[in-house]
Amino acid sequence: MGLGLAGIFTMGSVKRIRAVVATATAGIPEFVEDGASGFLAPFADASLFDSALERAWNQRHIWQEMGAQAHAKIIARLTGKPEVLFAQKLTQLISP
């Protein structure tokens, strides 16, 4: 599981029971299933991300359910705290 900083932010959102809109990169699809537990753009492209945002807005009535589903999935797979992973990644980036 190669999560970059974007993946760690996404995991943090999911852990806090939030629906996620993200790109399908950096291991994110391991935790977020498009249309079931969040909304994914295939890759970092403005028009594709806009489409994912539009789909999310049109299904805003199920955001809480989607967030709960993503939360259950990540809790089943992970231990630890995303904020600790984030701090570790930042430390690695700024260390000489």
C-alpha atoms as a PDB file:
ATOM      1  CA  MET A   1       0.000   0.000   0.000  1.00  0.00           C
ATOM      2  CA  GLY A   2       1.864   3.056  -1.242  1.00  0.00           C
ATOM      3  CA  LEU A   3      -0.057   6.019   0.103  1.00  0.00           C
ATOM      4  CA  GLY A   4       1.221   9.511  -0.528  1.00  0.00           C
ATOM      5  CA  LEU A   5       0.080  12.559   1.371  1.00  0.00           C
ATOM      6  CA  ALA A   6      -3.158  12.712  -0.649  1.00  0.00           C
ATOM      7  CA  GLY A   7      -3.904   9.148   0.400  1.00  0.00           C
ATOM      8  CA  ILE A   8      -3.276   9.964   4.035  1.00  0.00           C
ATOM      9  CA  PHE A   9      -5.641  12.952   3.851  1.00  0.00           C
ATOM     10  CA  THR A  10      -8.263  10.733   2.208  1.00  0.00           C
ATOM     11  CA  MET A  11      -7.872   8.083   4.904  1.00  0.00           C
ATOM     12  CA  GLY A  12      -8.284  10.789   7.539  1.00  0.00           C
ATOM     13  CA  SER A  13     -11.558  11.905   5.960  1.00  0.00           C
ATOM     14  CA  VAL A  14     -12.805   8.354   5.716  1.00  0.00           C
ATOM     15  CA  LYS A  15     -11.826   7.621   9.300  1.00  0.00           C
ATOM     16  CA  ARG A  16     -13.934  10.626  10.350  1.00  0.00           C
ATOM     17  CA  ILE A  17     -16.956   9.203   8.483  1.00  0.00           C
ATOM     18  CA  ARG A  18     -16.928  11.619   5.558  1.00  0.00           C
ATOM     19  CA  ALA A  19     -17.777  10.880   1.950  1.00  0.00           C
ATOM     20  CA  VAL A  20     -14.666  11.388  -0.166  1.00  0.00           C
ATOM     21  CA  VAL A  21     -14.052  12.855  -3.600  1.00  0.00           C
ATOM     22  CA  ALA A  22     -10.561  11.937  -4.757  1.00  0.00           C
ATOM     23  CA  THR A  23      -8.470  10.649  -7.626  1.00  0.00           C
ATOM     24  CA  ALA A  24      -7.991   6.912  -8.072  1.00  0.00           C
ATOM     25  CA  THR A  25      -4.272   7.127  -7.308  1.00  0.00           C
ATOM     26  CA  ALA A  26      -1.845   6.468  -4.445  1.00  0.00           C
ATOM     27  CA  GLY A  27      -3.670   3.450  -3.077  1.00  0.00           C
ATOM     28  CA  ILE A  28      -6.915   5.369  -2.531  1.00  0.00           C
ATOM     29  CA  PRO A  29      -9.058   2.807  -4.424  1.00  0.00           C
ATOM     30  CA  GLU A  30      -8.051   0.274  -1.755  1.00  0.00           C
ATOM     31  CA  PHE A  31     -10.220   2.243   0.672  1.00  0.00           C
ATOM     32  CA  VAL A  32     -12.706   4.165  -1.454  1.00  0.00           C
ATOM     33  CA  GLU A  33     -14.977   2.404  -3.921  1.00  0.00           C
ATOM     34  CA  ASP A  34     -16.349   4.742  -6.567  1.00  0.00           C
ATOM     35  CA  GLY A  35     -20.086   5.226  -6.163  1.00  0.00           C
ATOM     36  CA  ALA A  36     -20.280   3.088  -3.018  1.00  0.00           C
ATOM     37  CA  SER A  37     -18.067   4.705  -0.395  1.00  0.00           C
ATOM     38  CA  GLY A  38     -16.985   7.831  -2.256  1.00  0.00           C
ATOM     39  CA  PHE A  39     -16.407   9.355  -5.662  1.00  0.00           C
ATOM     40  CA  LEU A  40     -13.256   8.808  -7.675  1.00  0.00           C
ATOM     41  CA  ALA A  41     -11.844  10.501 -10.733  1.00  0.00           C
ATOM     42  CA  PRO A  42      -9.692   8.029 -12.712  1.00  0.00           C
ATOM     43  CA  PHE A  43      -6.668  10.325 -12.511  1.00  0.00           C
ATOM     44  CA  ALA A  44      -5.745  13.937 -11.756  1.00  0.00           C
ATOM     45  CA  ASP A  45      -7.526  15.772 -14.547  1.00  0.00           C
ATOM     46  CA  ALA A  46      -9.654  18.860 -13.912  1.00  0.00           C
ATOM     47  CA  SER A  47     -12.601  17.778 -16.072  1.00  0.00           C
ATOM     48  CA  LEU A  48     -12.632  14.246 -14.627  1.00  0.00           C
ATOM     49  CA  PHE A  49     -12.422  15.603 -11.081  1.00  0.00           C
ATOM     50  CA  ASP A  50     -15.231  18.046 -11.905  1.00  0.00           C
ATOM     51  CA  SER A  51     -17.325  15.083 -13.043  1.00  0.00           C
ATOM     52  CA  ALA A  52     -16.643  13.275  -9.753  1.00  0.00           C
ATOM     53  CA  LEU A  53     -17.654  16.411  -7.825  1.00  0.00           C
ATOM     54  CA  GLU A  54     -20.855  16.680  -9.864  1.00  0.00           C
ATOM     55  CA  ARG A  55     -21.719  13.030  -9.158  1.00  0.00           C
ATOM     56  CA  ALA A  56     -21.047  13.633  -5.477  1.00  0.00           C
ATOM     57  CA  TRP A  57     -23.296  16.692  -5.385  1.00  0.00           C
ATOM     58  CA  ASN A  58     -26.114  14.840  -7.157  1.00  0.00           C
ATOM     59  CA  GLN A  59     -25.917  12.081  -4.530  1.00  0.00           C
ATOM     60  CA  ARG A  60     -25.448  14.317  -1.482  1.00  0.00           C
ATOM     61  CA  HIS A  61     -28.445  12.677   0.200  1.00  0.00           C
ATOM     62  CA  ILE A  62     -26.351   9.513   0.748  1.00  0.00           C
ATOM     63  CA  TRP A  63     -23.048  11.111   1.819  1.00  0.00           C
ATOM     64  CA  GLN A  64     -23.447  10.002   5.417  1.00  0.00           C
ATOM     65  CA  GLU A  65     -24.176   6.402   4.391  1.00  0.00           C
ATOM     66  CA  MET A  66     -21.225   6.420   1.998  1.00  0.00           C
ATOM     67  CA  GLY A  67     -18.945   7.848   4.666  1.00  0.00           C
ATOM     68  CA  ALA A  68     -20.044   5.170   7.122  1.00  0.00           C
ATOM     69  CA  GLN A  69     -19.345   2.450   4.567  1.00  0.00           C
ATOM     70  CA  ALA A  70     -15.871   3.824   3.819  1.00  0.00           C
ATOM     71  CA  HIS A  71     -15.211   4.225   7.542  1.00  0.00           C
ATOM     72  CA  ALA A  72     -16.089   0.590   8.257  1.00  0.00           C
ATOM     73  CA  LYS A  73     -13.807  -0.558   5.440  1.00  0.00           C
ATOM     74  CA  ILE A  74     -10.811   1.448   6.606  1.00  0.00           C
ATOM     75  CA  ILE A  75     -11.241   0.509  10.263  1.00  0.00           C
ATOM     76  CA  ALA A  76     -11.307  -3.156   9.269  1.00  0.00           C
ATOM     77  CA  ARG A  77      -7.990  -2.765   7.403  1.00  0.00           C
ATOM     78  CA  LEU A  78      -5.987  -0.243   9.378  1.00  0.00           C
ATOM     79  CA  THR A  79      -4.722   0.316  12.836  1.00  0.00           C
ATOM     80  CA  GLY A  80      -3.085   3.473  14.013  1.00  0.00           C
ATOM     81  CA  LYS A  81      -3.901   7.080  13.323  1.00  0.00           C
ATOM     82  CA  PRO A  82      -3.740   8.827   9.935  1.00  0.00           C
ATOM     83  CA  GLU A  83      -2.456  12.001  11.576  1.00  0.00           C
ATOM     84  CA  VAL A  84       0.565  10.067  12.856  1.00  0.00           C
ATOM     85  CA  LEU A  85       1.239   8.722   9.358  1.00  0.00           C
ATOM     86  CA  PHE A  86       0.915  12.251   8.006  1.00  0.00           C
ATOM     87  CA  ALA A  87       3.380  13.608  10.572  1.00  0.00           C
ATOM     88  CA  GLN A  88       5.814  10.825   9.738  1.00  0.00           C
ATOM     89  CA  LYS A  89       5.566  11.588   6.014  1.00  0.00           C
ATOM     90  CA  LEU A  90       6.137  15.298   6.651  1.00  0.00           C
ATOM     91  CA  THR A  91       9.151  14.507   8.806  1.00  0.00           C
ATOM     92  CA  GLN A  92      10.573  12.337   6.027  1.00  0.00           C
ATOM     93  CA  LEU A  93      10.050  15.111   3.487  1.00  0.00           C
ATOM     94  CA  ILE A  94      11.784  17.808   5.526  1.00  0.00           C
ATOM     95  CA  SER A  95      14.591  15.688   6.963  1.00  0.00           C
ATOM     96  CA  PRO A  96      17.964  16.225   5.289  1.00  0.00           C
END
